[in-house]
Amino acid sequence: MPELLADLAEEQADLDALVDGIDEEQWATPTPAEGWTVRDQIGHLAFFDEMGRLAIEAPDGFSARAQAAMEAAAEGRDPMAEHLERGRAMTGAEVRAWWNTARAGFLAAAAGLSDDARVPWYGPPMSPRSFVSARLMETWAHGQDVADALGRSRTPTRRLAHVAQLGVRARPFSFAVRGLDAPAEDVRVELEGPSDETWTWGEEGAPGLVRGMALEFCLVVTQRRHLDDTALVVEGDSAREWMAIAQAFAGPPGAGRPPSG
């Protein structure tokens, strides 16, 4: 956990550096997420880091908030509206300060979790490691939206291993959230990390195979890139079915990104 929390803090610091010094016009820049600006992306992270701290420190209070959000979604209301409106009433600097406070609070709360704890979230309760990994994945994914909006490039790091791990483990969820049964066949995943290391999951010789750059795999499972816009090798029906709907994040099915053409 200490190393994982340090990786999360580094991922947050990299994104904070990305928005350091941008002006109000840039805070209002549309991102690839339809209807969301750079301000919305950072406000989203701030809100869910706050909710993460609440889930750790006051799980009953969090569960009530989560239930209200799910009821809003069931009634056709946008469960994101509350925190998006909150952020949109702030200047860019104020949203950044909100996130800085929220992420510091989350890191402090998560550091006190015991190994056998279960943290409630928007779905099944999570282990501490999975919970912190999910916050790192969200930070990285929304950071990609910010980088794309501002026209900036990011250097891939070994922290992608956390995102890839979550993406692989979320394979059954990608089907379940769509009311589908996951194929029983195993899928082998072979990824090349940013320092030429190889990360693997699944048995060799499995019916399905996904192979390629870790960065591209992470972009696909977080739905930041369409599979057709990558050089990933995907073989076997089980692998193709999964990668067409892969979703590493909680919540309802994501719309994904269209191919760039």
C-alpha atoms as a PDB file:
ATOM      1  CA  MET A   1       0.000   0.000   0.000  1.00  0.00           C
ATOM      2  CA  PRO A   2       2.703   2.618   0.738  1.00  0.00           C
ATOM      3  CA  GLU A   3       4.182   2.140  -2.744  1.00  0.00           C
ATOM      4  CA  LEU A   4       0.745   2.187  -4.361  1.00  0.00           C
ATOM      5  CA  LEU A   5      -0.212   5.372  -2.518  1.00  0.00           C
ATOM      6  CA  ALA A   6       3.094   6.928  -3.591  1.00  0.00           C
ATOM      7  CA  ASP A   7       2.296   6.040  -7.204  1.00  0.00           C
ATOM      8  CA  LEU A   8      -1.144   7.634  -6.879  1.00  0.00           C
ATOM      9  CA  ALA A   9       0.404  10.781  -5.421  1.00  0.00           C
ATOM     10  CA  GLU A  10       2.853  10.915  -8.341  1.00  0.00           C
ATOM     11  CA  GLU A  11       0.062  10.495 -10.887  1.00  0.00           C
ATOM     12  CA  GLN A  12      -1.890  13.300  -9.230  1.00  0.00           C
ATOM     13  CA  ALA A  13       1.191  15.532  -9.147  1.00  0.00           C
ATOM     14  CA  ASP A  14       1.797  14.991 -12.871  1.00  0.00           C
ATOM     15  CA  LEU A  15      -1.754  16.063 -13.686  1.00  0.00           C
ATOM     16  CA  ASP A  16      -1.507  19.033 -11.331  1.00  0.00           C
ATOM     17  CA  ALA A  17       1.626  20.141 -13.185  1.00  0.00           C
ATOM     18  CA  LEU A  18      -0.269  19.813 -16.473  1.00  0.00           C
ATOM     19  CA  VAL A  19      -2.849  22.427 -15.432  1.00  0.00           C
ATOM     20  CA  ASP A  20      -0.377  24.658 -13.598  1.00  0.00           C
ATOM     21  CA  GLY A  21      -0.413  28.120 -15.131  1.00  0.00           C
ATOM     22  CA  ILE A  22      -3.262  27.630 -17.619  1.00  0.00           C
ATOM     23  CA  ASP A  23      -5.630  30.577 -18.007  1.00  0.00           C
ATOM     24  CA  GLU A  24      -9.408  30.748 -17.695  1.00  0.00           C
ATOM     25  CA  GLU A  25      -9.879  30.228 -21.412  1.00  0.00           C
ATOM     26  CA  GLN A  26      -7.881  26.997 -21.219  1.00  0.00           C
ATOM     27  CA  TRP A  27      -9.858  25.852 -18.180  1.00  0.00           C
ATOM     28  CA  ALA A  28     -12.939  26.165 -20.400  1.00  0.00           C
ATOM     29  CA  THR A  29     -11.398  24.121 -23.246  1.00  0.00           C
ATOM     30  CA  PRO A  30     -13.668  21.253 -24.360  1.00  0.00           C
ATOM     31  CA  THR A  31     -12.201  17.791 -23.782  1.00  0.00           C
ATOM     32  CA  PRO A  32     -12.874  14.587 -25.768  1.00  0.00           C
ATOM     33  CA  ALA A  33     -15.574  13.727 -23.197  1.00  0.00           C
ATOM     34  CA  GLU A  34     -18.623  15.318 -24.791  1.00  0.00           C
ATOM     35  CA  GLY A  35     -19.855  18.354 -22.881  1.00  0.00           C
ATOM     36  CA  TRP A  36     -16.957  18.334 -20.419  1.00  0.00           C
ATOM     37  CA  THR A  37     -14.257  20.992 -20.163  1.00  0.00           C
ATOM     38  CA  VAL A  38     -10.856  20.858 -18.502  1.00  0.00           C
ATOM     39  CA  ARG A  39     -12.532  22.429 -15.436  1.00  0.00           C
ATOM     40  CA  ASP A  40     -15.116  19.644 -15.386  1.00  0.00           C
ATOM     41  CA  GLN A  41     -12.437  16.938 -15.510  1.00  0.00           C
ATOM     42  CA  ILE A  42     -10.557  18.312 -12.499  1.00  0.00           C
ATOM     43  CA  GLY A  43     -13.789  18.994 -10.604  1.00  0.00           C
ATOM     44  CA  HIS A  44     -14.845  15.402 -11.257  1.00  0.00           C
ATOM     45  CA  LEU A  45     -11.617  14.089  -9.719  1.00  0.00           C
ATOM     46  CA  ALA A  46     -12.002  16.455  -6.760  1.00  0.00           C
ATOM     47  CA  PHE A  47     -15.522  15.263  -6.040  1.00  0.00           C
ATOM     48  CA  PHE A  48     -14.712  11.569  -6.214  1.00  0.00           C
ATOM     49  CA  ASP A  49     -11.571  11.958  -4.122  1.00  0.00           C
ATOM     50  CA  GLU A  50     -13.874  13.583  -1.552  1.00  0.00           C
ATOM     51  CA  MET A  51     -16.301  10.691  -1.881  1.00  0.00           C
ATOM     52  CA  GLY A  52     -13.424   8.242  -1.546  1.00  0.00           C
ATOM     53  CA  ARG A  53     -12.405   9.802   1.739  1.00  0.00           C
ATOM     54  CA  LEU A  54     -16.028   9.708   2.912  1.00  0.00           C
ATOM     55  CA  ALA A  55     -16.297   6.019   1.951  1.00  0.00           C
ATOM     56  CA  ILE A  56     -13.271   5.267   4.144  1.00  0.00           C
ATOM     57  CA  GLU A  57     -14.075   7.483   7.115  1.00  0.00           C
ATOM     58  CA  ALA A  58     -17.905   7.376   7.147  1.00  0.00           C
ATOM     59  CA  PRO A  59     -19.075   4.407   5.062  1.00  0.00           C
ATOM     60  CA  ASP A  60     -22.721   4.735   6.095  1.00  0.00           C
ATOM     61  CA  GLY A  61     -22.782   8.366   5.032  1.00  0.00           C
ATOM     62  CA  PHE A  62     -21.146   7.481   1.754  1.00  0.00           C
ATOM     63  CA  SER A  63     -23.607   4.660   1.078  1.00  0.00           C
ATOM     64  CA  ALA A  64     -26.512   7.079   1.456  1.00  0.00           C
ATOM     65  CA  ARG A  65     -24.907   9.453  -1.060  1.00  0.00           C
ATOM     66  CA  ALA A  66     -24.211   6.600  -3.477  1.00  0.00           C
ATOM     67  CA  GLN A  67     -27.792   5.338  -3.210  1.00  0.00           C
ATOM     68  CA  ALA A  68     -29.110   8.813  -4.008  1.00  0.00           C
ATOM     69  CA  ALA A  69     -26.871   8.994  -7.072  1.00  0.00           C
ATOM     70  CA  MET A  70     -28.069   5.606  -8.320  1.00  0.00           C
ATOM     71  CA  GLU A  71     -31.694   6.602  -7.790  1.00  0.00           C
ATOM     72  CA  ALA A  72     -31.087   9.792  -9.764  1.00  0.00           C
ATOM     73  CA  ALA A  73     -29.647   7.777 -12.632  1.00  0.00           C
ATOM     74  CA  ALA A  74     -32.609   5.348 -12.523  1.00  0.00           C
ATOM     75  CA  GLU A  75     -34.979   8.302 -12.798  1.00  0.00           C
ATOM     76  CA  GLY A  76     -33.150   9.642 -15.831  1.00  0.00           C
ATOM     77  CA  ARG A  77     -31.395  12.462 -13.993  1.00  0.00           C
ATOM     78  CA  ASP A  78     -27.671  13.059 -14.410  1.00  0.00           C
ATOM     79  CA  PRO A  79     -25.915  11.819 -11.247  1.00  0.00           C
ATOM     80  CA  MET A  80     -22.899  13.923 -12.235  1.00  0.00           C
ATOM     81  CA  ALA A  81     -24.874  17.176 -12.351  1.00  0.00           C
ATOM     82  CA  GLU A  82     -24.278  18.104  -8.705  1.00  0.00           C
ATOM     83  CA  HIS A  83     -20.506  18.168  -8.796  1.00  0.00           C
ATOM     84  CA  LEU A  84     -20.294  19.516 -12.361  1.00  0.00           C
ATOM     85  CA  GLU A  85     -22.427  22.510 -11.360  1.00  0.00           C
ATOM     86  CA  ARG A  86     -20.294  22.983  -8.247  1.00  0.00           C
ATOM     87  CA  GLY A  87     -17.115  23.109 -10.296  1.00  0.00           C
ATOM     88  CA  ARG A  88     -18.590  25.328 -12.985  1.00  0.00           C
ATOM     89  CA  ALA A  89     -19.360  27.969 -10.350  1.00  0.00           C
ATOM     90  CA  MET A  90     -15.624  28.178  -9.558  1.00  0.00           C
ATOM     91  CA  THR A  91     -12.668  29.724 -11.297  1.00  0.00           C
ATOM     92  CA  GLY A  92     -10.023  27.373 -12.609  1.00  0.00           C
ATOM     93  CA  ALA A  93      -7.751  28.192  -9.700  1.00  0.00           C
ATOM     94  CA  GLU A  94     -10.543  27.438  -7.239  1.00  0.00           C
ATOM     95  CA  VAL A  95     -11.273  24.063  -8.866  1.00  0.00           C
ATOM     96  CA  ARG A  96      -7.581  23.207  -8.723  1.00  0.00           C
ATOM     97  CA  ALA A  97      -7.456  24.164  -5.035  1.00  0.00           C
ATOM     98  CA  TRP A  98     -10.569  22.037  -4.395  1.00  0.00           C
ATOM     99  CA  TRP A  99      -8.897  19.040  -5.989  1.00  0.00           C
ATOM    100  CA  ASN A 100      -5.611  19.587  -4.162  1.00  0.00           C
ATOM    101  CA  THR A 101      -7.443  19.560  -0.828  1.00  0.00           C
ATOM    102  CA  ALA A 102      -9.583  16.571  -1.778  1.00  0.00           C
ATOM    103  CA  ARG A 103      -6.714  14.433  -3.009  1.00  0.00           C
ATOM    104  CA  ALA A 104      -4.607  15.160   0.058  1.00  0.00           C
ATOM    105  CA  GLY A 105      -7.533  14.131   2.238  1.00  0.00           C
ATOM    106  CA  PHE A 106      -8.010  10.929   0.294  1.00  0.00           C
ATOM    107  CA  LEU A 107      -4.346   9.955   0.518  1.00  0.00           C
ATOM    108  CA  ALA A 108      -4.333  10.534   4.264  1.00  0.00           C
ATOM    109  CA  ALA A 109      -7.494   8.487   4.786  1.00  0.00           C
ATOM    110  CA  ALA A 110      -6.347   5.627   2.547  1.00  0.00           C
ATOM    111  CA  ALA A 111      -3.031   5.393   4.397  1.00  0.00           C
ATOM    112  CA  GLY A 112      -4.943   4.278   7.478  1.00  0.00           C
ATOM    113  CA  LEU A 113      -6.785   1.383   5.824  1.00  0.00           C
ATOM    114  CA  SER A 114      -6.088  -2.111   7.154  1.00  0.00           C
ATOM    115  CA  ASP A 115      -5.269  -4.850   4.655  1.00  0.00           C
ATOM    116  CA  ASP A 116      -8.529  -6.710   5.332  1.00  0.00           C
ATOM    117  CA  ALA A 117     -10.795  -3.651   5.042  1.00  0.00           C
ATOM    118  CA  ARG A 118     -13.620  -3.465   2.501  1.00  0.00           C
ATOM    119  CA  VAL A 119     -14.461  -0.025   1.154  1.00  0.00           C
ATOM    120  CA  PRO A 120     -17.983   0.679  -0.180  1.00  0.00           C
ATOM    121  CA  TRP A 121     -18.165   2.243  -3.628  1.00  0.00           C
ATOM    122  CA  TYR A 122     -20.519   2.562  -6.599  1.00  0.00           C
ATOM    123  CA  GLY A 123     -20.824  -1.203  -6.941  1.00  0.00           C
ATOM    124  CA  PRO A 124     -19.404  -4.059  -4.848  1.00  0.00           C
ATOM    125  CA  PRO A 125     -17.158  -3.107  -1.883  1.00  0.00           C
ATOM    126  CA  MET A 126     -13.462  -3.042  -2.788  1.00  0.00           C
ATOM    127  CA  SER A 127     -10.214  -4.072  -1.144  1.00  0.00           C
ATOM    128  CA  PRO A 128      -7.884  -1.204  -0.190  1.00  0.00           C
ATOM    129  CA  ARG A 129      -5.453  -1.991  -3.021  1.00  0.00           C
ATOM    130  CA  SER A 130      -8.210  -2.176  -5.629  1.00  0.00           C
ATOM    131  CA  PHE A 131      -9.759   1.025  -4.277  1.00  0.00           C
ATOM    132  CA  VAL A 132      -6.532   3.019  -4.488  1.00  0.00           C
ATOM    133  CA  SER A 133      -5.720   1.498  -7.887  1.00  0.00           C
ATOM    134  CA  ALA A 134      -9.116   2.663  -9.115  1.00  0.00           C
ATOM    135  CA  ARG A 135      -8.376   6.238  -8.029  1.00  0.00           C
ATOM    136  CA  LEU A 136      -5.034   6.066  -9.839  1.00  0.00           C
ATOM    137  CA  MET A 137      -6.745   4.755 -12.971  1.00  0.00           C
ATOM    138  CA  GLU A 138      -9.341   7.536 -12.838  1.00  0.00           C
ATOM    139  CA  THR A 139      -6.642  10.172 -12.351  1.00  0.00           C
ATOM    140  CA  TRP A 140      -4.663   8.849 -15.291  1.00  0.00           C
ATOM    141  CA  ALA A 141      -7.716   8.528 -17.568  1.00  0.00           C
ATOM    142  CA  HIS A 142      -9.125  11.980 -16.851  1.00  0.00           C
ATOM    143  CA  GLY A 143      -5.607  13.333 -17.104  1.00  0.00           C
ATOM    144  CA  GLN A 144      -5.517  11.950 -20.644  1.00  0.00           C
ATOM    145  CA  ASP A 145      -8.661  13.914 -21.461  1.00  0.00           C
ATOM    146  CA  VAL A 146      -7.006  17.069 -20.118  1.00  0.00           C
ATOM    147  CA  ALA A 147      -3.792  16.419 -22.057  1.00  0.00           C
ATOM    148  CA  ASP A 148      -5.736  15.806 -25.272  1.00  0.00           C
ATOM    149  CA  ALA A 149      -7.747  19.002 -24.777  1.00  0.00           C
ATOM    150  CA  LEU A 150      -4.648  21.123 -24.155  1.00  0.00           C
ATOM    151  CA  GLY A 151      -2.663  19.482 -26.938  1.00  0.00           C
ATOM    152  CA  ARG A 152      -0.045  18.172 -24.546  1.00  0.00           C
ATOM    153  CA  SER A 153       1.775  14.835 -24.665  1.00  0.00           C
ATOM    154  CA  ARG A 154       2.498  12.740 -21.576  1.00  0.00           C
ATOM    155  CA  THR A 155       5.398  10.390 -20.973  1.00  0.00           C
ATOM    156  CA  PRO A 156       4.184   6.859 -20.140  1.00  0.00           C
ATOM    157  CA  THR A 157       5.407   5.592 -16.759  1.00  0.00           C
ATOM    158  CA  ARG A 158       5.536   2.284 -14.890  1.00  0.00           C
ATOM    159  CA  ARG A 159       2.330   3.411 -13.162  1.00  0.00           C
ATOM    160  CA  LEU A 160       0.501   2.123 -16.239  1.00  0.00           C
ATOM    161  CA  ALA A 161       0.911  -1.342 -14.680  1.00  0.00           C
ATOM    162  CA  HIS A 162      -1.809  -0.438 -12.154  1.00  0.00           C
ATOM    163  CA  VAL A 163      -4.178   0.699 -14.903  1.00  0.00           C
ATOM    164  CA  ALA A 164      -3.498  -2.406 -16.986  1.00  0.00           C
ATOM    165  CA  GLN A 165      -4.001  -4.695 -13.989  1.00  0.00           C
ATOM    166  CA  LEU A 166      -7.353  -3.092 -13.249  1.00  0.00           C
ATOM    167  CA  GLY A 167      -8.335  -3.320 -16.912  1.00  0.00           C
ATOM    168  CA  VAL A 168      -7.605  -7.055 -17.014  1.00  0.00           C
ATOM    169  CA  ARG A 169      -9.398  -7.754 -13.732  1.00  0.00           C
ATOM    170  CA  ALA A 170     -12.426  -5.759 -14.909  1.00  0.00           C
ATOM    171  CA  ARG A 171     -12.997  -8.066 -17.882  1.00  0.00           C
ATOM    172  CA  PRO A 172     -16.029  -9.840 -16.265  1.00  0.00           C
ATOM    173  CA  PHE A 173     -17.431  -6.458 -15.194  1.00  0.00           C
ATOM    174  CA  SER A 174     -17.256  -5.145 -18.778  1.00  0.00           C
ATOM    175  CA  PHE A 175     -19.800  -7.829 -19.730  1.00  0.00           C
ATOM    176  CA  ALA A 176     -21.861  -7.789 -16.541  1.00  0.00           C
ATOM    177  CA  VAL A 177     -22.512  -4.038 -16.678  1.00  0.00           C
ATOM    178  CA  ARG A 178     -24.090  -4.629 -20.100  1.00  0.00           C
ATOM    179  CA  GLY A 179     -26.170  -7.588 -18.917  1.00  0.00           C
ATOM    180  CA  LEU A 180     -23.979 -10.049 -20.819  1.00  0.00           C
ATOM    181  CA  ASP A 181     -22.287 -13.274 -19.792  1.00  0.00           C
ATOM    182  CA  ALA A 182     -18.503 -13.163 -20.084  1.00  0.00           C
ATOM    183  CA  PRO A 183     -17.045 -15.838 -22.387  1.00  0.00           C
ATOM    184  CA  ALA A 184     -15.654 -18.758 -20.404  1.00  0.00           C
ATOM    185  CA  GLU A 185     -12.486 -18.929 -22.505  1.00  0.00           C
ATOM    186  CA  ASP A 186      -9.341 -17.441 -20.995  1.00  0.00           C
ATOM    187  CA  VAL A 187      -7.591 -14.459 -22.581  1.00  0.00           C
ATOM    188  CA  ARG A 188      -3.816 -14.041 -22.514  1.00  0.00           C
ATOM    189  CA  VAL A 189      -2.647 -10.417 -22.237  1.00  0.00           C
ATOM    190  CA  GLU A 190       0.966  -9.553 -23.136  1.00  0.00           C
ATOM    191  CA  LEU A 191       1.918  -5.906 -22.829  1.00  0.00           C
ATOM    192  CA  GLU A 192       5.154  -3.992 -23.374  1.00  0.00           C
ATOM    193  CA  GLY A 193       5.733  -1.491 -20.584  1.00  0.00           C
ATOM    194  CA  PRO A 194       7.325   1.933 -21.076  1.00  0.00           C
ATOM    195  CA  SER A 195      10.812   0.659 -20.162  1.00  0.00           C
ATOM    196  CA  ASP A 196      10.677  -2.404 -22.454  1.00  0.00           C
ATOM    197  CA  GLU A 197       9.502  -4.658 -19.633  1.00  0.00           C
ATOM    198  CA  THR A 198       6.794  -7.241 -20.377  1.00  0.00           C
ATOM    199  CA  TRP A 199       3.641  -7.568 -18.288  1.00  0.00           C
ATOM    200  CA  THR A 200       1.498 -10.675 -18.738  1.00  0.00           C
ATOM    201  CA  TRP A 201      -1.819 -12.065 -17.518  1.00  0.00           C
ATOM    202  CA  GLY A 202      -3.566 -15.347 -18.341  1.00  0.00           C
ATOM    203  CA  GLU A 203      -2.252 -18.703 -19.456  1.00  0.00           C
ATOM    204  CA  GLU A 204       0.042 -19.115 -22.442  1.00  0.00           C
ATOM    205  CA  GLY A 205      -1.825 -20.676 -25.333  1.00  0.00           C
ATOM    206  CA  ALA A 206      -5.202 -19.346 -24.158  1.00  0.00           C
ATOM    207  CA  PRO A 207      -7.931 -19.161 -26.854  1.00  0.00           C
ATOM    208  CA  GLY A 208      -7.835 -15.361 -26.750  1.00  0.00           C
ATOM    209  CA  LEU A 209      -4.837 -13.039 -27.011  1.00  0.00           C
ATOM    210  CA  VAL A 210      -4.279  -9.317 -26.603  1.00  0.00           C
ATOM    211  CA  ARG A 211      -0.742  -8.142 -27.311  1.00  0.00           C
ATOM    212  CA  GLY A 212       0.870  -4.739 -27.753  1.00  0.00           C
ATOM    213  CA  MET A 213       1.933  -1.556 -25.985  1.00  0.00           C
ATOM    214  CA  ALA A 214       0.714  -1.106 -22.421  1.00  0.00           C
ATOM    215  CA  LEU A 215      -0.145   2.510 -23.155  1.00  0.00           C
ATOM    216  CA  GLU A 216      -2.517   1.561 -25.957  1.00  0.00           C
ATOM    217  CA  PHE A 217      -4.154  -1.172 -23.879  1.00  0.00           C
ATOM    218  CA  CYS A 218      -4.736   1.293 -21.035  1.00  0.00           C
ATOM    219  CA  LEU A 219      -6.210   3.851 -23.432  1.00  0.00           C
ATOM    220  CA  VAL A 220      -8.666   1.259 -24.737  1.00  0.00           C
ATOM    221  CA  VAL A 221      -9.800  -0.188 -21.381  1.00  0.00           C
ATOM    222  CA  THR A 222     -10.367   3.327 -20.013  1.00  0.00           C
ATOM    223  CA  GLN A 223     -12.228   4.143 -23.248  1.00  0.00           C
ATOM    224  CA  ARG A 224      -9.911   7.007 -24.158  1.00  0.00           C
ATOM    225  CA  ARG A 225      -9.099   5.526 -27.568  1.00  0.00           C
ATOM    226  CA  HIS A 226     -11.005   3.308 -29.967  1.00  0.00           C
ATOM    227  CA  LEU A 227      -9.421  -0.082 -30.532  1.00  0.00           C
ATOM    228  CA  ASP A 228      -9.129   0.681 -34.256  1.00  0.00           C
ATOM    229  CA  ASP A 229      -6.833   3.614 -33.464  1.00  0.00           C
ATOM    230  CA  THR A 230      -4.224   1.353 -31.877  1.00  0.00           C
ATOM    231  CA  ALA A 231      -1.770  -1.290 -33.061  1.00  0.00           C
ATOM    232  CA  LEU A 232      -2.961  -3.834 -30.479  1.00  0.00           C
ATOM    233  CA  VAL A 233      -3.093  -7.417 -31.727  1.00  0.00           C
ATOM    234  CA  VAL A 234      -6.392  -9.040 -30.705  1.00  0.00           C
ATOM    235  CA  GLU A 235      -6.938 -12.708 -31.572  1.00  0.00           C
ATOM    236  CA  GLY A 236      -9.816 -15.062 -30.764  1.00  0.00           C
ATOM    237  CA  ASP A 237     -13.528 -14.417 -30.281  1.00  0.00           C
ATOM    238  CA  SER A 238     -13.239 -14.093 -26.497  1.00  0.00           C
ATOM    239  CA  ALA A 239     -10.582 -11.397 -26.817  1.00  0.00           C
ATOM    240  CA  ARG A 240     -12.363  -9.519 -29.587  1.00  0.00           C
ATOM    241  CA  GLU A 241     -15.680  -9.501 -27.720  1.00  0.00           C
ATOM    242  CA  TRP A 242     -13.971  -8.177 -24.592  1.00  0.00           C
ATOM    243  CA  MET A 243     -11.892  -5.452 -26.209  1.00  0.00           C
ATOM    244  CA  ALA A 244     -14.921  -4.135 -28.079  1.00  0.00           C
ATOM    245  CA  ILE A 245     -16.576  -3.252 -24.747  1.00  0.00           C
ATOM    246  CA  ALA A 246     -13.637  -3.170 -22.295  1.00  0.00           C
ATOM    247  CA  GLN A 247     -14.331  -0.879 -19.320  1.00  0.00           C
ATOM    248  CA  ALA A 248     -11.989  -0.507 -16.364  1.00  0.00           C
ATOM    249  CA  PHE A 249     -14.096   2.093 -14.534  1.00  0.00           C
ATOM    250  CA  ALA A 250     -17.184   1.651 -12.345  1.00  0.00           C
ATOM    251  CA  GLY A 251     -20.633   2.813 -13.297  1.00  0.00           C
ATOM    252  CA  PRO A 252     -22.937   2.270 -16.276  1.00  0.00           C
ATOM    253  CA  PRO A 253     -21.589   1.268 -19.699  1.00  0.00           C
ATOM    254  CA  GLY A 254     -19.342   3.942 -21.153  1.00  0.00           C
ATOM    255  CA  ALA A 255     -20.086   5.298 -24.612  1.00  0.00           C
ATOM    256  CA  GLY A 256     -16.447   4.927 -25.616  1.00  0.00           C
ATOM    257  CA  ARG A 257     -14.733   7.046 -28.241  1.00  0.00           C
ATOM    258  CA  PRO A 258     -15.396   6.827 -31.955  1.00  0.00           C
ATOM    259  CA  PRO A 259     -12.507   5.836 -34.231  1.00  0.00           C
ATOM    260  CA  SER A 260     -10.566   8.816 -35.510  1.00  0.00           C
ATOM    261  CA  GLY A 261     -10.600   7.576 -39.063  1.00  0.00           C
END
